[in-house]
Amino acid sequence: MWWGLFSVGGTIAAFLLPAMILVVGILGPMGIASEATSFVRIDSALDGLISKIGFVVVFSTITMHCMHRIGALVPDLKIPVSKKLASAIGHLGALIMTAAVLVLLLDS
């Protein structure tokens, strides 16, 4: 199961996240895509339950991928923590971040 989340998160992080950063973080502030990235438009897009679930899935898979990578990096950095402990802390952190995003989205 963890490998599935890792691979999906890696795929999303490689293909979808750069496009989102380009549109929302670069083209929007430059005024090129200001209509598409306006607060009202993004707020209305995230208003539906399906959109919120999709956002949580994208966010959770990316954080699982990131935390798995960090857990694998710990031994290479010679940090005196066991690989299992680093992996457990990383996955717990990803679950906590996902739960926080879920609470914030369902609260709005």
PDB file of N, CA and C in Angstrom:
ATOM      1  N   MET A   1       0.820  -1.191   0.000  1.00  0.00           N
ATOM      2  CA  MET A   1       0.000   0.000   0.000  1.00  0.00           C
ATOM      3  C   MET A   1       0.867   1.260   0.000  1.00  0.00           C
ATOM      4  N   TRP A   2       1.932   1.256   0.810  1.00  0.00           N
ATOM      5  CA  TRP A   2       2.785   2.444   0.873  1.00  0.00           C
ATOM      6  C   TRP A   2       3.448   2.716  -0.472  1.00  0.00           C
ATOM      7  N   TRP A   3       3.811   1.630  -1.193  1.00  0.00           N
ATOM      8  CA  TRP A   3       4.454   1.839  -2.486  1.00  0.00           C
ATOM      9  C   TRP A   3       3.484   2.442  -3.491  1.00  0.00           C
ATOM     10  N   GLY A   4       2.216   2.063  -3.383  1.00  0.00           N
ATOM     11  CA  GLY A   4       1.215   2.652  -4.276  1.00  0.00           C
ATOM     12  C   GLY A   4       1.058   4.142  -4.039  1.00  0.00           C
ATOM     13  N   LEU A   5       0.986   4.538  -2.766  1.00  0.00           N
ATOM     14  CA  LEU A   5       0.898   5.967  -2.442  1.00  0.00           C
ATOM     15  C   LEU A   5       2.161   6.696  -2.880  1.00  0.00           C
ATOM     16  N   PHE A   6       3.312   6.034  -2.713  1.00  0.00           N
ATOM     17  CA  PHE A   6       4.583   6.636  -3.110  1.00  0.00           C
ATOM     18  C   PHE A   6       4.615   6.881  -4.617  1.00  0.00           C
ATOM     19  N   SER A   7       4.205   5.877  -5.402  1.00  0.00           N
ATOM     20  CA  SER A   7       4.281   6.032  -6.855  1.00  0.00           C
ATOM     21  C   SER A   7       3.252   7.028  -7.384  1.00  0.00           C
ATOM     22  N   VAL A   8       2.045   7.000  -6.846  1.00  0.00           N
ATOM     23  CA  VAL A   8       1.027   7.977  -7.266  1.00  0.00           C
ATOM     24  C   VAL A   8       1.464   9.385  -6.881  1.00  0.00           C
ATOM     25  N   GLY A   9       1.989   9.534  -5.672  1.00  0.00           N
ATOM     26  CA  GLY A   9       2.471  10.843  -5.231  1.00  0.00           C
ATOM     27  C   GLY A   9       3.609  11.356  -6.088  1.00  0.00           C
ATOM     28  N   GLY A  10       4.502  10.457  -6.483  1.00  0.00           N
ATOM     29  CA  GLY A  10       5.604  10.860  -7.357  1.00  0.00           C
ATOM     30  C   GLY A  10       5.122  11.295  -8.720  1.00  0.00           C
ATOM     31  N   THR A  11       4.147  10.584  -9.255  1.00  0.00           N
ATOM     32  CA  THR A  11       3.596  10.948 -10.557  1.00  0.00           C
ATOM     33  C   THR A  11       2.891  12.297 -10.496  1.00  0.00           C
ATOM     34  N   ILE A  12       2.090  12.490  -9.467  1.00  0.00           N
ATOM     35  CA  ILE A  12       1.392  13.771  -9.313  1.00  0.00           C
ATOM     36  C   ILE A  12       2.391  14.893  -9.079  1.00  0.00           C
ATOM     37  N   ALA A  13       3.393  14.629  -8.232  1.00  0.00           N
ATOM     38  CA  ALA A  13       4.395  15.657  -7.947  1.00  0.00           C
ATOM     39  C   ALA A  13       5.192  16.013  -9.194  1.00  0.00           C
ATOM     40  N   ALA A  14       5.403  15.047 -10.076  1.00  0.00           N
ATOM     41  CA  ALA A  14       6.200  15.302 -11.273  1.00  0.00           C
ATOM     42  C   ALA A  14       5.410  16.000 -12.376  1.00  0.00           C
ATOM     43  N   PHE A  15       4.142  15.682 -12.519  1.00  0.00           N
ATOM     44  CA  PHE A  15       3.377  16.200 -13.653  1.00  0.00           C
ATOM     45  C   PHE A  15       2.365  17.287 -13.292  1.00  0.00           C
ATOM     46  N   LEU A  16       1.614  17.094 -12.223  1.00  0.00           N
ATOM     47  CA  LEU A  16       0.530  18.020 -11.910  1.00  0.00           C
ATOM     48  C   LEU A  16       0.994  19.218 -11.096  1.00  0.00           C
ATOM     49  N   LEU A  17       1.857  18.993 -10.125  1.00  0.00           N
ATOM     50  CA  LEU A  17       2.289  20.077  -9.244  1.00  0.00           C
ATOM     51  C   LEU A  17       3.027  21.197  -9.987  1.00  0.00           C
ATOM     52  N   PRO A  18       3.955  20.895 -10.913  1.00  0.00           N
ATOM     53  CA  PRO A  18       4.591  22.006 -11.643  1.00  0.00           C
ATOM     54  C   PRO A  18       3.596  22.840 -12.451  1.00  0.00           C
ATOM     55  N   ALA A  19       2.594  22.193 -13.027  1.00  0.00           N
ATOM     56  CA  ALA A  19       1.585  22.947 -13.779  1.00  0.00           C
ATOM     57  C   ALA A  19       0.771  23.837 -12.854  1.00  0.00           C
ATOM     58  N   MET A  20       0.431  23.313 -11.673  1.00  0.00           N
ATOM     59  CA  MET A  20      -0.318  24.120 -10.707  1.00  0.00           C
ATOM     60  C   MET A  20       0.518  25.304 -10.230  1.00  0.00           C
ATOM     61  N   ILE A  21       1.798  25.073  -9.969  1.00  0.00           N
ATOM     62  CA  ILE A  21       2.682  26.159  -9.531  1.00  0.00           C
ATOM     63  C   ILE A  21       2.815  27.205 -10.632  1.00  0.00           C
ATOM     64  N   LEU A  22       2.943  26.756 -11.880  1.00  0.00           N
ATOM     65  CA  LEU A  22       3.071  27.688 -12.996  1.00  0.00           C
ATOM     66  C   LEU A  22       1.833  28.572 -13.125  1.00  0.00           C
ATOM     67  N   VAL A  23       0.661  27.967 -13.104  1.00  0.00           N
ATOM     68  CA  VAL A  23      -0.570  28.736 -13.308  1.00  0.00           C
ATOM     69  C   VAL A  23      -0.879  29.626 -12.114  1.00  0.00           C
ATOM     70  N   VAL A  24      -0.865  29.053 -10.902  1.00  0.00           N
ATOM     71  CA  VAL A  24      -1.286  29.807  -9.719  1.00  0.00           C
ATOM     72  C   VAL A  24      -0.174  30.697  -9.174  1.00  0.00           C
ATOM     73  N   GLY A  25       1.067  30.226  -9.233  1.00  0.00           N
ATOM     74  CA  GLY A  25       2.159  30.969  -8.610  1.00  0.00           C
ATOM     75  C   GLY A  25       2.905  31.926  -9.514  1.00  0.00           C
ATOM     76  N   ILE A  26       2.868  31.697 -10.831  1.00  0.00           N
ATOM     77  CA  ILE A  26       3.652  32.550 -11.735  1.00  0.00           C
ATOM     78  C   ILE A  26       2.750  33.320 -12.703  1.00  0.00           C
ATOM     79  N   LEU A  27       1.918  32.603 -13.462  1.00  0.00           N
ATOM     80  CA  LEU A  27       1.090  33.269 -14.468  1.00  0.00           C
ATOM     81  C   LEU A  27       0.000  34.137 -13.850  1.00  0.00           C
ATOM     82  N   GLY A  28      -0.556  33.704 -12.724  1.00  0.00           N
ATOM     83  CA  GLY A  28      -1.587  34.501 -12.049  1.00  0.00           C
ATOM     84  C   GLY A  28      -1.070  35.841 -11.570  1.00  0.00           C
ATOM     85  N   PRO A  29       0.007  35.858 -10.776  1.00  0.00           N
ATOM     86  CA  PRO A  29       0.537  37.141 -10.311  1.00  0.00           C
ATOM     87  C   PRO A  29       1.050  38.038 -11.438  1.00  0.00           C
ATOM     88  N   MET A  30       1.491  37.450 -12.564  1.00  0.00           N
ATOM     89  CA  MET A  30       1.957  38.260 -13.683  1.00  0.00           C
ATOM     90  C   MET A  30       0.798  38.875 -14.461  1.00  0.00           C
ATOM     91  N   GLY A  31      -0.426  38.425 -14.181  1.00  0.00           N
ATOM     92  CA  GLY A  31      -1.591  38.959 -14.872  1.00  0.00           C
ATOM     93  C   GLY A  31      -1.969  38.203 -16.121  1.00  0.00           C
ATOM     94  N   ILE A  32      -1.218  37.159 -16.455  1.00  0.00           N
ATOM     95  CA  ILE A  32      -1.509  36.392 -17.665  1.00  0.00           C
ATOM     96  C   ILE A  32      -2.733  35.505 -17.461  1.00  0.00           C
ATOM     97  N   ALA A  33      -2.837  34.890 -16.299  1.00  0.00           N
ATOM     98  CA  ALA A  33      -3.974  34.005 -16.004  1.00  0.00           C
ATOM     99  C   ALA A  33      -4.725  34.521 -14.787  1.00  0.00           C
ATOM    100  N   SER A  34      -4.852  35.828 -14.674  1.00  0.00           N
ATOM    101  CA  SER A  34      -5.453  36.402 -13.469  1.00  0.00           C
ATOM    102  C   SER A  34      -6.931  36.055 -13.330  1.00  0.00           C
ATOM    103  N   GLU A  35      -7.639  35.920 -14.438  1.00  0.00           N
ATOM    104  CA  GLU A  35      -9.060  35.550 -14.379  1.00  0.00           C
ATOM    105  C   GLU A  35      -9.223  34.126 -13.842  1.00  0.00           C
ATOM    106  N   ALA A  36      -8.386  33.220 -14.308  1.00  0.00           N
ATOM    107  CA  ALA A  36      -8.499  31.815 -13.894  1.00  0.00           C
ATOM    108  C   ALA A  36      -8.026  31.591 -12.468  1.00  0.00           C
ATOM    109  N   THR A  37      -7.141  32.440 -11.978  1.00  0.00           N
ATOM    110  CA  THR A  37      -6.576  32.230 -10.637  1.00  0.00           C
ATOM    111  C   THR A  37      -7.112  33.216  -9.615  1.00  0.00           C
ATOM    112  N   SER A  38      -8.232  33.835  -9.907  1.00  0.00           N
ATOM    113  CA  SER A  38      -8.796  34.767  -8.932  1.00  0.00           C
ATOM    114  C   SER A  38      -9.318  33.992  -7.723  1.00  0.00           C
ATOM    115  N   PHE A  39      -9.383  34.659  -6.582  1.00  0.00           N
ATOM    116  CA  PHE A  39      -9.822  34.012  -5.347  1.00  0.00           C
ATOM    117  C   PHE A  39     -11.233  33.466  -5.479  1.00  0.00           C
ATOM    118  N   VAL A  40     -12.103  34.248  -6.090  1.00  0.00           N
ATOM    119  CA  VAL A  40     -13.507  33.837  -6.223  1.00  0.00           C
ATOM    120  C   VAL A  40     -13.611  32.570  -7.066  1.00  0.00           C
ATOM    121  N   ARG A  41     -12.848  32.509  -8.132  1.00  0.00           N
ATOM    122  CA  ARG A  41     -12.905  31.342  -9.022  1.00  0.00           C
ATOM    123  C   ARG A  41     -12.353  30.092  -8.341  1.00  0.00           C
ATOM    124  N   ILE A  42     -11.223  30.217  -7.658  1.00  0.00           N
ATOM    125  CA  ILE A  42     -10.641  29.064  -6.969  1.00  0.00           C
ATOM    126  C   ILE A  42     -11.526  28.647  -5.803  1.00  0.00           C
ATOM    127  N   ASP A  43     -12.091  29.611  -5.090  1.00  0.00           N
ATOM    128  CA  ASP A  43     -12.985  29.294  -3.976  1.00  0.00           C
ATOM    129  C   ASP A  43     -14.228  28.553  -4.460  1.00  0.00           C
ATOM    130  N   SER A  44     -14.782  28.985  -5.578  1.00  0.00           N
ATOM    131  CA  SER A  44     -15.966  28.293  -6.098  1.00  0.00           C
ATOM    132  C   SER A  44     -15.610  26.915  -6.648  1.00  0.00           C
ATOM    133  N   ALA A  45     -14.394  26.760  -7.170  1.00  0.00           N
ATOM    134  CA  ALA A  45     -13.967  25.447  -7.671  1.00  0.00           C
ATOM    135  C   ALA A  45     -13.791  24.448  -6.538  1.00  0.00           C
ATOM    136  N   LEU A  46     -13.340  24.914  -5.375  1.00  0.00           N
ATOM    137  CA  LEU A  46     -13.142  24.030  -4.223  1.00  0.00           C
ATOM    138  C   LEU A  46     -14.375  23.933  -3.338  1.00  0.00           C
ATOM    139  N   ASP A  47     -15.487  24.475  -3.793  1.00  0.00           N
ATOM    140  CA  ASP A  47     -16.693  24.490  -2.968  1.00  0.00           C
ATOM    141  C   ASP A  47     -17.403  23.141  -2.944  1.00  0.00           C
ATOM    142  N   GLY A  48     -17.302  22.373  -4.003  1.00  0.00           N
ATOM    143  CA  GLY A  48     -17.996  21.090  -4.063  1.00  0.00           C
ATOM    144  C   GLY A  48     -17.268  19.994  -3.299  1.00  0.00           C
ATOM    145  N   LEU A  49     -18.009  19.002  -2.875  1.00  0.00           N
ATOM    146  CA  LEU A  49     -17.437  17.900  -2.105  1.00  0.00           C
ATOM    147  C   LEU A  49     -16.462  17.076  -2.942  1.00  0.00           C
ATOM    148  N   ILE A  50     -16.786  16.847  -4.205  1.00  0.00           N
ATOM    149  CA  ILE A  50     -15.904  16.076  -5.080  1.00  0.00           C
ATOM    150  C   ILE A  50     -14.571  16.799  -5.261  1.00  0.00           C
ATOM    151  N   SER A  51     -14.601  18.108  -5.431  1.00  0.00           N
ATOM    152  CA  SER A  51     -13.368  18.887  -5.571  1.00  0.00           C
ATOM    153  C   SER A  51     -12.533  18.823  -4.308  1.00  0.00           C
ATOM    154  N   LYS A  52     -13.183  18.889  -3.163  1.00  0.00           N
ATOM    155  CA  LYS A  52     -12.458  18.815  -1.894  1.00  0.00           C
ATOM    156  C   LYS A  52     -11.806  17.450  -1.718  1.00  0.00           C
ATOM    157  N   ILE A  53     -12.529  16.403  -2.062  1.00  0.00           N
ATOM    158  CA  ILE A  53     -11.959  15.057  -1.967  1.00  0.00           C
ATOM    159  C   ILE A  53     -10.782  14.919  -2.927  1.00  0.00           C
ATOM    160  N   GLY A  54     -10.922  15.433  -4.134  1.00  0.00           N
ATOM    161  CA  GLY A  54      -9.822  15.393  -5.098  1.00  0.00           C
ATOM    162  C   GLY A  54      -8.600  16.138  -4.608  1.00  0.00           C
ATOM    163  N   PHE A  55      -8.814  17.306  -4.011  1.00  0.00           N
ATOM    164  CA  PHE A  55      -7.692  18.077  -3.478  1.00  0.00           C
ATOM    165  C   PHE A  55      -7.003  17.323  -2.352  1.00  0.00           C
ATOM    166  N   VAL A  56      -7.782  16.693  -1.471  1.00  0.00           N
ATOM    167  CA  VAL A  56      -7.201  15.923  -0.364  1.00  0.00           C
ATOM    168  C   VAL A  56      -6.405  14.734  -0.903  1.00  0.00           C
ATOM    169  N   VAL A  57      -6.917  14.066  -1.936  1.00  0.00           N
ATOM    170  CA  VAL A  57      -6.194  12.935  -2.526  1.00  0.00           C
ATOM    171  C   VAL A  57      -4.870  13.400  -3.124  1.00  0.00           C
ATOM    172  N   VAL A  58      -4.904  14.491  -3.883  1.00  0.00           N
ATOM    173  CA  VAL A  58      -3.670  15.022  -4.469  1.00  0.00           C
ATOM    174  C   VAL A  58      -2.688  15.427  -3.379  1.00  0.00           C
ATOM    175  N   PHE A  59      -3.161  16.148  -2.377  1.00  0.00           N
ATOM    176  CA  PHE A  59      -2.284  16.608  -1.300  1.00  0.00           C
ATOM    177  C   PHE A  59      -1.714  15.436  -0.515  1.00  0.00           C
ATOM    178  N   SER A  60      -2.555  14.451  -0.190  1.00  0.00           N
ATOM    179  CA  SER A  60      -2.084  13.336   0.638  1.00  0.00           C
ATOM    180  C   SER A  60      -1.069  12.473  -0.099  1.00  0.00           C
ATOM    181  N   THR A  61      -1.275  12.243  -1.391  1.00  0.00           N
ATOM    182  CA  THR A  61      -0.304  11.420  -2.119  1.00  0.00           C
ATOM    183  C   THR A  61       1.026  12.144  -2.274  1.00  0.00           C
ATOM    184  N   ILE A  62       0.982  13.452  -2.480  1.00  0.00           N
ATOM    185  CA  ILE A  62       2.237  14.203  -2.578  1.00  0.00           C
ATOM    186  C   ILE A  62       2.966  14.208  -1.240  1.00  0.00           C
ATOM    187  N   THR A  63       2.251  14.390  -0.132  1.00  0.00           N
ATOM    188  CA  THR A  63       2.928  14.387   1.171  1.00  0.00           C
ATOM    189  C   THR A  63       3.449  13.001   1.521  1.00  0.00           C
ATOM    190  N   MET A  64       2.717  11.944   1.176  1.00  0.00           N
ATOM    191  CA  MET A  64       3.223  10.587   1.413  1.00  0.00           C
ATOM    192  C   MET A  64       4.511  10.358   0.629  1.00  0.00           C
ATOM    193  N   HIS A  65       4.533  10.801  -0.620  1.00  0.00           N
ATOM    194  CA  HIS A  65       5.732  10.659  -1.442  1.00  0.00           C
ATOM    195  C   HIS A  65       6.896  11.435  -0.829  1.00  0.00           C
ATOM    196  N   CYS A  66       6.629  12.666  -0.440  1.00  0.00           N
ATOM    197  CA  CYS A  66       7.672  13.517   0.145  1.00  0.00           C
ATOM    198  C   CYS A  66       8.223  12.917   1.432  1.00  0.00           C
ATOM    199  N   MET A  67       7.353  12.479   2.309  1.00  0.00           N
ATOM    200  CA  MET A  67       7.806  11.932   3.586  1.00  0.00           C
ATOM    201  C   MET A  67       8.533  10.607   3.405  1.00  0.00           C
ATOM    202  N   HIS A  68       8.135   9.819   2.414  1.00  0.00           N
ATOM    203  CA  HIS A  68       8.855   8.578   2.137  1.00  0.00           C
ATOM    204  C   HIS A  68      10.276   8.884   1.659  1.00  0.00           C
ATOM    205  N   ARG A  69      10.388   9.890   0.812  1.00  0.00           N
ATOM    206  CA  ARG A  69      11.716  10.308   0.336  1.00  0.00           C
ATOM    207  C   ARG A  69      12.586  10.815   1.481  1.00  0.00           C
ATOM    208  N   ILE A  70      12.001  11.607   2.357  1.00  0.00           N
ATOM    209  CA  ILE A  70      12.757  12.129   3.500  1.00  0.00           C
ATOM    210  C   ILE A  70      13.191  10.986   4.406  1.00  0.00           C
ATOM    211  N   GLY A  71      12.303  10.018   4.637  1.00  0.00           N
ATOM    212  CA  GLY A  71      12.658   8.859   5.452  1.00  0.00           C
ATOM    213  C   GLY A  71      13.788   8.047   4.843  1.00  0.00           C
ATOM    214  N   ALA A  72      13.825   7.952   3.519  1.00  0.00           N
ATOM    215  CA  ALA A  72      14.905   7.234   2.850  1.00  0.00           C
ATOM    216  C   ALA A  72      16.199   8.040   2.845  1.00  0.00           C
ATOM    217  N   LEU A  73      16.100   9.340   2.983  1.00  0.00           N
ATOM    218  CA  LEU A  73      17.274  10.206   2.972  1.00  0.00           C
ATOM    219  C   LEU A  73      17.995  10.244   4.315  1.00  0.00           C
ATOM    220  N   VAL A  74      17.276   9.965   5.393  1.00  0.00           N
ATOM    221  CA  VAL A  74      17.842  10.067   6.750  1.00  0.00           C
ATOM    222  C   VAL A  74      19.117   9.237   6.916  1.00  0.00           C
ATOM    223  N   PRO A  75      19.157   7.955   6.508  1.00  0.00           N
ATOM    224  CA  PRO A  75      20.413   7.206   6.667  1.00  0.00           C
ATOM    225  C   PRO A  75      21.557   7.777   5.831  1.00  0.00           C
ATOM    226  N   ASP A  76      21.246   8.314   4.658  1.00  0.00           N
ATOM    227  CA  ASP A  76      22.291   8.890   3.812  1.00  0.00           C
ATOM    228  C   ASP A  76      22.904  10.144   4.426  1.00  0.00           C
ATOM    229  N   LEU A  77      22.126  10.848   5.223  1.00  0.00           N
ATOM    230  CA  LEU A  77      22.627  12.052   5.888  1.00  0.00           C
ATOM    231  C   LEU A  77      23.346  11.737   7.196  1.00  0.00           C
ATOM    232  N   LYS A  78      23.430  10.443   7.526  1.00  0.00           N
ATOM    233  CA  LYS A  78      24.112   9.976   8.747  1.00  0.00           C
ATOM    234  C   LYS A  78      23.462  10.527  10.012  1.00  0.00           C
ATOM    235  N   ILE A  79      22.148  10.700   9.979  1.00  0.00           N
ATOM    236  CA  ILE A  79      21.411  11.119  11.167  1.00  0.00           C
ATOM    237  C   ILE A  79      21.209   9.871  12.022  1.00  0.00           C
ATOM    238  N   PRO A  80      21.566   9.927  13.304  1.00  0.00           N
ATOM    239  CA  PRO A  80      21.542   8.714  14.133  1.00  0.00           C
ATOM    240  C   PRO A  80      20.128   8.298  14.563  1.00  0.00           C
ATOM    241  N   VAL A  81      19.303   7.958  13.583  1.00  0.00           N
ATOM    242  CA  VAL A  81      17.941   7.493  13.832  1.00  0.00           C
ATOM    243  C   VAL A  81      17.743   6.252  12.967  1.00  0.00           C
ATOM    244  N   SER A  82      17.055   5.261  13.495  1.00  0.00           N
ATOM    245  CA  SER A  82      16.823   4.059  12.696  1.00  0.00           C
ATOM    246  C   SER A  82      15.916   4.389  11.509  1.00  0.00           C
ATOM    247  N   LYS A  83      16.086   3.613  10.453  1.00  0.00           N
ATOM    248  CA  LYS A  83      15.308   3.861   9.243  1.00  0.00           C
ATOM    249  C   LYS A  83      13.811   3.644   9.497  1.00  0.00           C
ATOM    250  N   LYS A  84      13.477   2.649  10.319  1.00  0.00           N
ATOM    251  CA  LYS A  84      12.066   2.394  10.626  1.00  0.00           C
ATOM    252  C   LYS A  84      11.450   3.558  11.392  1.00  0.00           C
ATOM    253  N   LEU A  85      12.197   4.109  12.348  1.00  0.00           N
ATOM    254  CA  LEU A  85      11.684   5.244  13.118  1.00  0.00           C
ATOM    255  C   LEU A  85      11.507   6.469  12.224  1.00  0.00           C
ATOM    256  N   ALA A  86      12.491   6.731  11.368  1.00  0.00           N
ATOM    257  CA  ALA A  86      12.387   7.873  10.456  1.00  0.00           C
ATOM    258  C   ALA A  86      11.198   7.708   9.513  1.00  0.00           C
ATOM    259  N   SER A  87      10.998   6.485   9.027  1.00  0.00           N
ATOM    260  CA  SER A  87       9.871   6.221   8.141  1.00  0.00           C
ATOM    261  C   SER A  87       8.542   6.396   8.875  1.00  0.00           C
ATOM    262  N   ALA A  88       8.471   5.891  10.098  1.00  0.00           N
ATOM    263  CA  ALA A  88       7.236   6.022  10.881  1.00  0.00           C
ATOM    264  C   ALA A  88       6.925   7.482  11.181  1.00  0.00           C
ATOM    265  N   ILE A  89       7.939   8.249  11.551  1.00  0.00           N
ATOM    266  CA  ILE A  89       7.735   9.673  11.832  1.00  0.00           C
ATOM    267  C   ILE A  89       7.289  10.407  10.565  1.00  0.00           C
ATOM    268  N   GLY A  90       7.909  10.075   9.440  1.00  0.00           N
ATOM    269  CA  GLY A  90       7.541  10.709   8.176  1.00  0.00           C
ATOM    270  C   GLY A  90       6.115  10.416   7.767  1.00  0.00           C
ATOM    271  N   HIS A  91       5.725   9.151   7.844  1.00  0.00           N
ATOM    272  CA  HIS A  91       4.364   8.795   7.457  1.00  0.00           C
ATOM    273  C   HIS A  91       3.342   9.357   8.435  1.00  0.00           C
ATOM    274  N   LEU A  92       3.681   9.401   9.698  1.00  0.00           N
ATOM    275  CA  LEU A  92       2.787  10.014  10.678  1.00  0.00           C
ATOM    276  C   LEU A  92       2.624  11.510  10.386  1.00  0.00           C
ATOM    277  N   GLY A  93       3.725  12.170  10.034  1.00  0.00           N
ATOM    278  CA  GLY A  93       3.653  13.586   9.663  1.00  0.00           C
ATOM    279  C   GLY A  93       2.769  13.810   8.448  1.00  0.00           C
ATOM    280  N   ALA A  94       2.880  12.930   7.455  1.00  0.00           N
ATOM    281  CA  ALA A  94       2.036  13.044   6.264  1.00  0.00           C
ATOM    282  C   ALA A  94       0.569  12.844   6.614  1.00  0.00           C
ATOM    283  N   LEU A  95       0.290  11.887   7.486  1.00  0.00           N
ATOM    284  CA  LEU A  95      -1.095  11.662   7.899  1.00  0.00           C
ATOM    285  C   LEU A  95      -1.646  12.844   8.688  1.00  0.00           C
ATOM    286  N   ILE A  96      -0.821  13.440   9.536  1.00  0.00           N
ATOM    287  CA  ILE A  96      -1.262  14.608  10.312  1.00  0.00           C
ATOM    288  C   ILE A  96      -1.546  15.791   9.384  1.00  0.00           C
ATOM    289  N   MET A  97      -0.651  16.021   8.413  1.00  0.00           N
ATOM    290  CA  MET A  97      -0.874  17.124   7.468  1.00  0.00           C
ATOM    291  C   MET A  97      -2.130  16.888   6.633  1.00  0.00           C
ATOM    292  N   THR A  98      -2.345  15.655   6.203  1.00  0.00           N
ATOM    293  CA  THR A  98      -3.539  15.332   5.427  1.00  0.00           C
ATOM    294  C   THR A  98      -4.798  15.531   6.259  1.00  0.00           C
ATOM    295  N   ALA A  99      -4.758  15.108   7.511  1.00  0.00           N
ATOM    296  CA  ALA A  99      -5.913  15.302   8.396  1.00  0.00           C
ATOM    297  C   ALA A  99      -6.195  16.785   8.607  1.00  0.00           C
ATOM    298  N   ALA A 100      -5.137  17.587   8.745  1.00  0.00           N
ATOM    299  CA  ALA A 100      -5.324  19.028   8.926  1.00  0.00           C
ATOM    300  C   ALA A 100      -5.970  19.654   7.691  1.00  0.00           C
ATOM    301  N   VAL A 101      -5.515  19.264   6.506  1.00  0.00           N
ATOM    302  CA  VAL A 101      -6.111  19.790   5.275  1.00  0.00           C
ATOM    303  C   VAL A 101      -7.560  19.334   5.159  1.00  0.00           C
ATOM    304  N   LEU A 102      -7.823  18.089   5.509  1.00  0.00           N
ATOM    305  CA  LEU A 102      -9.191  17.578   5.456  1.00  0.00           C
ATOM    306  C   LEU A 102     -10.111  18.354   6.389  1.00  0.00           C
ATOM    307  N   VAL A 103      -9.651  18.617   7.596  1.00  0.00           N
ATOM    308  CA  VAL A 103     -10.455  19.389   8.555  1.00  0.00           C
ATOM    309  C   VAL A 103     -10.687  20.806   8.038  1.00  0.00           C
ATOM    310  N   LEU A 104      -9.647  21.444   7.512  1.00  0.00           N
ATOM    311  CA  LEU A 104      -9.792  22.810   6.998  1.00  0.00           C
ATOM    312  C   LEU A 104     -10.755  22.878   5.819  1.00  0.00           C
ATOM    313  N   LEU A 105     -10.680  21.896   4.920  1.00  0.00           N
ATOM    314  CA  LEU A 105     -11.567  21.920   3.760  1.00  0.00           C
ATOM    315  C   LEU A 105     -13.009  21.604   4.130  1.00  0.00           C
ATOM    316  N   LEU A 106     -13.208  20.659   5.029  1.00  0.00           N
ATOM    317  CA  LEU A 106     -14.576  20.311   5.403  1.00  0.00           C
ATOM    318  C   LEU A 106     -15.205  21.360   6.303  1.00  0.00           C
ATOM    319  N   ASP A 107     -14.368  22.143   6.974  1.00  0.00           N
ATOM    320  CA  ASP A 107     -14.867  23.200   7.846  1.00  0.00           C
ATOM    321  C   ASP A 107     -15.362  24.404   7.048  1.00  0.00           C
ATOM    322  N   SER A 108     -14.813  24.595   5.854  1.00  0.00           N
ATOM    323  CA  SER A 108     -15.186  25.776   5.062  1.00  0.00           C
ATOM    324  C   SER A 108     -16.430  25.542   4.242  1.00  0.00           C
TER     325      SER A 108
END
